Amino acid sequence: MTQDSNQMGAGEFKTHCLKLIDRVNQTKQPIIITKHGKPMAKLTPWLTDKR
């Protein structure tokens, strides 16, 4: 993961995806997944409506 907030390459994401899903759920901070340095996808927490 880079210092640039929450960005990582697709290969690293593939290796750690289950842990990253848990981390995103806990921190509520998205992770940008890159390929060759270009943003390709974003993993975001599922936000439930608690009314």
PDB file of N, CA and C in Angstrom:
ATOM      1  N   MET A   1       0.858  -1.176   0.000  1.00  0.00           N
ATOM      2  CA  MET A   1       0.000   0.000   0.000  1.00  0.00           C
ATOM      3  C   MET A   1       0.893   1.224   0.000  1.00  0.00           C
ATOM      4  N   THR A   2       0.558   2.191  -0.825  1.00  0.00           N
ATOM      5  CA  THR A   2       1.385   3.391  -0.885  1.00  0.00           C
ATOM      6  C   THR A   2       1.008   4.350   0.225  1.00  0.00           C
ATOM      7  N   GLN A   3       1.896   5.292   0.462  1.00  0.00           N
ATOM      8  CA  GLN A   3       1.631   6.341   1.446  1.00  0.00           C
ATOM      9  C   GLN A   3       0.507   7.244   0.958  1.00  0.00           C
ATOM     10  N   ASP A   4       0.296   7.268  -0.368  1.00  0.00           N
ATOM     11  CA  ASP A   4      -0.709   8.123  -0.981  1.00  0.00           C
ATOM     12  C   ASP A   4      -2.094   7.640  -0.584  1.00  0.00           C
ATOM     13  N   SER A   5      -2.409   7.762   0.675  1.00  0.00           N
ATOM     14  CA  SER A   5      -3.696   7.331   1.199  1.00  0.00           C
ATOM     15  C   SER A   5      -3.830   5.830   1.037  1.00  0.00           C
ATOM     16  N   ASN A   6      -4.854   5.359   0.388  1.00  0.00           N
ATOM     17  CA  ASN A   6      -5.119   3.924   0.319  1.00  0.00           C
ATOM     18  C   ASN A   6      -5.108   3.431  -1.117  1.00  0.00           C
ATOM     19  N   GLN A   7      -3.946   3.405  -1.742  1.00  0.00           N
ATOM     20  CA  GLN A   7      -3.813   2.883  -3.098  1.00  0.00           C
ATOM     21  C   GLN A   7      -2.907   1.666  -3.083  1.00  0.00           C
ATOM     22  N   MET A   8      -3.212   0.705  -3.946  1.00  0.00           N
ATOM     23  CA  MET A   8      -2.345  -0.461  -4.070  1.00  0.00           C
ATOM     24  C   MET A   8      -2.522  -1.069  -5.443  1.00  0.00           C
ATOM     25  N   GLY A   9      -1.500  -1.792  -5.844  1.00  0.00           N
ATOM     26  CA  GLY A   9      -1.547  -2.485  -7.121  1.00  0.00           C
ATOM     27  C   GLY A   9      -2.488  -3.675  -7.073  1.00  0.00           C
ATOM     28  N   ALA A  10      -2.954  -4.075  -8.254  1.00  0.00           N
ATOM     29  CA  ALA A  10      -3.905  -5.181  -8.354  1.00  0.00           C
ATOM     30  C   ALA A  10      -3.314  -6.490  -7.820  1.00  0.00           C
ATOM     31  N   GLY A  11      -2.027  -6.723  -8.055  1.00  0.00           N
ATOM     32  CA  GLY A  11      -1.393  -7.949  -7.572  1.00  0.00           C
ATOM     33  C   GLY A  11      -1.390  -8.028  -6.059  1.00  0.00           C
ATOM     34  N   GLU A  12      -1.061  -6.915  -5.414  1.00  0.00           N
ATOM     35  CA  GLU A  12      -1.074  -6.876  -3.945  1.00  0.00           C
ATOM     36  C   GLU A  12      -2.493  -7.039  -3.426  1.00  0.00           C
ATOM     37  N   PHE A  13      -3.453  -6.395  -4.085  1.00  0.00           N
ATOM     38  CA  PHE A  13      -4.848  -6.538  -3.677  1.00  0.00           C
ATOM     39  C   PHE A  13      -5.285  -7.997  -3.762  1.00  0.00           C
ATOM     40  N   LYS A  14      -4.921  -8.663  -4.855  1.00  0.00           N
ATOM     41  CA  LYS A  14      -5.295 -10.067  -5.043  1.00  0.00           C
ATOM     42  C   LYS A  14      -4.751 -10.933  -3.909  1.00  0.00           C
ATOM     43  N   THR A  15      -3.534 -10.663  -3.487  1.00  0.00           N
ATOM     44  CA  THR A  15      -2.905 -11.437  -2.424  1.00  0.00           C
ATOM     45  C   THR A  15      -3.587 -11.248  -1.079  1.00  0.00           C
ATOM     46  N   HIS A  16      -4.086 -10.034  -0.803  1.00  0.00           N
ATOM     47  CA  HIS A  16      -4.592  -9.702   0.532  1.00  0.00           C
ATOM     48  C   HIS A  16      -6.076  -9.320   0.556  1.00  0.00           C
ATOM     49  N   CYS A  17      -6.831  -9.681  -0.466  1.00  0.00           N
ATOM     50  CA  CYS A  17      -8.187  -9.127  -0.612  1.00  0.00           C
ATOM     51  C   CYS A  17      -9.112  -9.403   0.584  1.00  0.00           C
ATOM     52  N   LEU A  18      -9.088 -10.584   1.175  1.00  0.00           N
ATOM     53  CA  LEU A  18     -10.004 -10.853   2.288  1.00  0.00           C
ATOM     54  C   LEU A  18      -9.690  -9.977   3.502  1.00  0.00           C
ATOM     55  N   LYS A  19      -8.412  -9.790   3.803  1.00  0.00           N
ATOM     56  CA  LYS A  19      -8.027  -8.905   4.906  1.00  0.00           C
ATOM     57  C   LYS A  19      -8.392  -7.459   4.591  1.00  0.00           C
ATOM     58  N   LEU A  20      -8.241  -7.071   3.336  1.00  0.00           N
ATOM     59  CA  LEU A  20      -8.556  -5.695   2.950  1.00  0.00           C
ATOM     60  C   LEU A  20     -10.054  -5.410   3.033  1.00  0.00           C
ATOM     61  N   ILE A  21     -10.864  -6.391   2.709  1.00  0.00           N
ATOM     62  CA  ILE A  21     -12.318  -6.222   2.853  1.00  0.00           C
ATOM     63  C   ILE A  21     -12.659  -5.956   4.318  1.00  0.00           C
ATOM     64  N   ASP A  22     -12.053  -6.716   5.228  1.00  0.00           N
ATOM     65  CA  ASP A  22     -12.287  -6.490   6.656  1.00  0.00           C
ATOM     66  C   ASP A  22     -11.804  -5.109   7.076  1.00  0.00           C
ATOM     67  N   ARG A  23     -10.627  -4.708   6.581  1.00  0.00           N
ATOM     68  CA  ARG A  23     -10.075  -3.397   6.948  1.00  0.00           C
ATOM     69  C   ARG A  23     -10.965  -2.250   6.471  1.00  0.00           C
ATOM     70  N   VAL A  24     -11.450  -2.346   5.241  1.00  0.00           N
ATOM     71  CA  VAL A  24     -12.333  -1.303   4.710  1.00  0.00           C
ATOM     72  C   VAL A  24     -13.622  -1.240   5.528  1.00  0.00           C
ATOM     73  N   ASN A  25     -14.137  -2.390   5.910  1.00  0.00           N
ATOM     74  CA  ASN A  25     -15.352  -2.425   6.722  1.00  0.00           C
ATOM     75  C   ASN A  25     -15.125  -1.781   8.084  1.00  0.00           C
ATOM     76  N   GLN A  26     -13.971  -2.005   8.688  1.00  0.00           N
ATOM     77  CA  GLN A  26     -13.684  -1.436  10.010  1.00  0.00           C
ATOM     78  C   GLN A  26     -13.379   0.056   9.952  1.00  0.00           C
ATOM     79  N   THR A  27     -12.545   0.458   9.003  1.00  0.00           N
ATOM     80  CA  THR A  27     -12.083   1.855   8.955  1.00  0.00           C
ATOM     81  C   THR A  27     -13.018   2.778   8.192  1.00  0.00           C
ATOM     82  N   LYS A  28     -13.868   2.196   7.338  1.00  0.00           N
ATOM     83  CA  LYS A  28     -14.771   2.966   6.463  1.00  0.00           C
ATOM     84  C   LYS A  28     -13.996   3.824   5.459  1.00  0.00           C
ATOM     85  N   GLN A  29     -12.725   3.468   5.215  1.00  0.00           N
ATOM     86  CA  GLN A  29     -11.883   4.180   4.250  1.00  0.00           C
ATOM     87  C   GLN A  29     -11.744   3.331   2.986  1.00  0.00           C
ATOM     88  N   PRO A  30     -12.037   3.899   1.813  1.00  0.00           N
ATOM     89  CA  PRO A  30     -11.933   3.121   0.575  1.00  0.00           C
ATOM     90  C   PRO A  30     -10.483   2.843   0.194  1.00  0.00           C
ATOM     91  N   ILE A  31     -10.297   1.850  -0.656  1.00  0.00           N
ATOM     92  CA  ILE A  31      -8.991   1.518  -1.209  1.00  0.00           C
ATOM     93  C   ILE A  31      -9.103   1.615  -2.733  1.00  0.00           C
ATOM     94  N   ILE A  32      -8.171   2.329  -3.347  1.00  0.00           N
ATOM     95  CA  ILE A  32      -8.095   2.441  -4.796  1.00  0.00           C
ATOM     96  C   ILE A  32      -7.156   1.341  -5.296  1.00  0.00           C
ATOM     97  N   ILE A  33      -7.632   0.557  -6.250  1.00  0.00           N
ATOM     98  CA  ILE A  33      -6.829  -0.518  -6.814  1.00  0.00           C
ATOM     99  C   ILE A  33      -6.308  -0.044  -8.170  1.00  0.00           C
ATOM    100  N   THR A  34      -4.997  -0.144  -8.350  1.00  0.00           N
ATOM    101  CA  THR A  34      -4.371   0.360  -9.563  1.00  0.00           C
ATOM    102  C   THR A  34      -3.789  -0.782 -10.396  1.00  0.00           C
ATOM    103  N   LYS A  35      -3.614  -0.487 -11.670  1.00  0.00           N
ATOM    104  CA  LYS A  35      -2.948  -1.410 -12.575  1.00  0.00           C
ATOM    105  C   LYS A  35      -1.974  -0.584 -13.394  1.00  0.00           C
ATOM    106  N   HIS A  36      -0.709  -0.894 -13.281  1.00  0.00           N
ATOM    107  CA  HIS A  36       0.345  -0.117 -13.948  1.00  0.00           C
ATOM    108  C   HIS A  36       0.275   1.350 -13.551  1.00  0.00           C
ATOM    109  N   GLY A  37      -0.070   1.604 -12.281  1.00  0.00           N
ATOM    110  CA  GLY A  37      -0.101   2.958 -11.746  1.00  0.00           C
ATOM    111  C   GLY A  37      -1.363   3.748 -12.042  1.00  0.00           C
ATOM    112  N   LYS A  38      -2.297   3.163 -12.774  1.00  0.00           N
ATOM    113  CA  LYS A  38      -3.538   3.873 -13.114  1.00  0.00           C
ATOM    114  C   LYS A  38      -4.695   3.304 -12.289  1.00  0.00           C
ATOM    115  N   PRO A  39      -5.503   4.171 -11.695  1.00  0.00           N
ATOM    116  CA  PRO A  39      -6.660   3.692 -10.925  1.00  0.00           C
ATOM    117  C   PRO A  39      -7.612   2.881 -11.802  1.00  0.00           C
ATOM    118  N   MET A  40      -8.011   1.719 -11.319  1.00  0.00           N
ATOM    119  CA  MET A  40      -8.899   0.836 -12.077  1.00  0.00           C
ATOM    120  C   MET A  40     -10.197   0.521 -11.335  1.00  0.00           C
ATOM    121  N   ALA A  41     -10.134   0.484 -10.000  1.00  0.00           N
ATOM    122  CA  ALA A  41     -11.314   0.121  -9.211  1.00  0.00           C
ATOM    123  C   ALA A  41     -11.182   0.719  -7.822  1.00  0.00           C
ATOM    124  N   LYS A  42     -12.306   0.759  -7.124  1.00  0.00           N
ATOM    125  CA  LYS A  42     -12.323   1.271  -5.755  1.00  0.00           C
ATOM    126  C   LYS A  42     -13.129   0.301  -4.892  1.00  0.00           C
ATOM    127  N   LEU A  43     -12.514  -0.115  -3.785  1.00  0.00           N
ATOM    128  CA  LEU A  43     -13.199  -0.944  -2.794  1.00  0.00           C
ATOM    129  C   LEU A  43     -13.708  -0.003  -1.716  1.00  0.00           C
ATOM    130  N   THR A  44     -15.022   0.048  -1.549  1.00  0.00           N
ATOM    131  CA  THR A  44     -15.615   0.957  -0.572  1.00  0.00           C
ATOM    132  C   THR A  44     -16.452   0.167   0.436  1.00  0.00           C
ATOM    133  N   PRO A  45     -16.615   0.721   1.629  1.00  0.00           N
ATOM    134  CA  PRO A  45     -17.446   0.022   2.619  1.00  0.00           C
ATOM    135  C   PRO A  45     -18.917   0.078   2.232  1.00  0.00           C
ATOM    136  N   TRP A  46     -19.638  -0.948   2.623  1.00  0.00           N
ATOM    137  CA  TRP A  46     -21.078  -0.965   2.429  1.00  0.00           C
ATOM    138  C   TRP A  46     -21.686  -0.132   3.548  1.00  0.00           C
ATOM    139  N   LEU A  47     -22.378   0.928   3.199  1.00  0.00           N
ATOM    140  CA  LEU A  47     -22.962   1.818   4.200  1.00  0.00           C
ATOM    141  C   LEU A  47     -24.441   1.470   4.356  1.00  0.00           C
ATOM    142  N   THR A  48     -24.797   1.055   5.548  1.00  0.00           N
ATOM    143  CA  THR A  48     -26.189   0.714   5.809  1.00  0.00           C
ATOM    144  C   THR A  48     -26.917   1.936   6.349  1.00  0.00           C
ATOM    145  N   ASP A  49     -28.167   2.023   6.028  1.00  0.00           N
ATOM    146  CA  ASP A  49     -28.991   3.140   6.501  1.00  0.00           C
ATOM    147  C   ASP A  49     -29.603   2.745   7.848  1.00  0.00           C
ATOM    148  N   LYS A  50     -29.061   3.314   8.921  1.00  0.00           N
ATOM    149  CA  LYS A  50     -29.547   2.986  10.264  1.00  0.00           C
ATOM    150  C   LYS A  50     -30.484   4.080  10.756  1.00  0.00           C
ATOM    151  N   ARG A  51     -31.729   3.961  10.392  1.00  0.00           N
ATOM    152  CA  ARG A  51     -32.723   4.953  10.834  1.00  0.00           C
ATOM    153  C   ARG A  51     -33.518   4.415  11.972  1.00  0.00           C
TER     154      ARG A  51
END
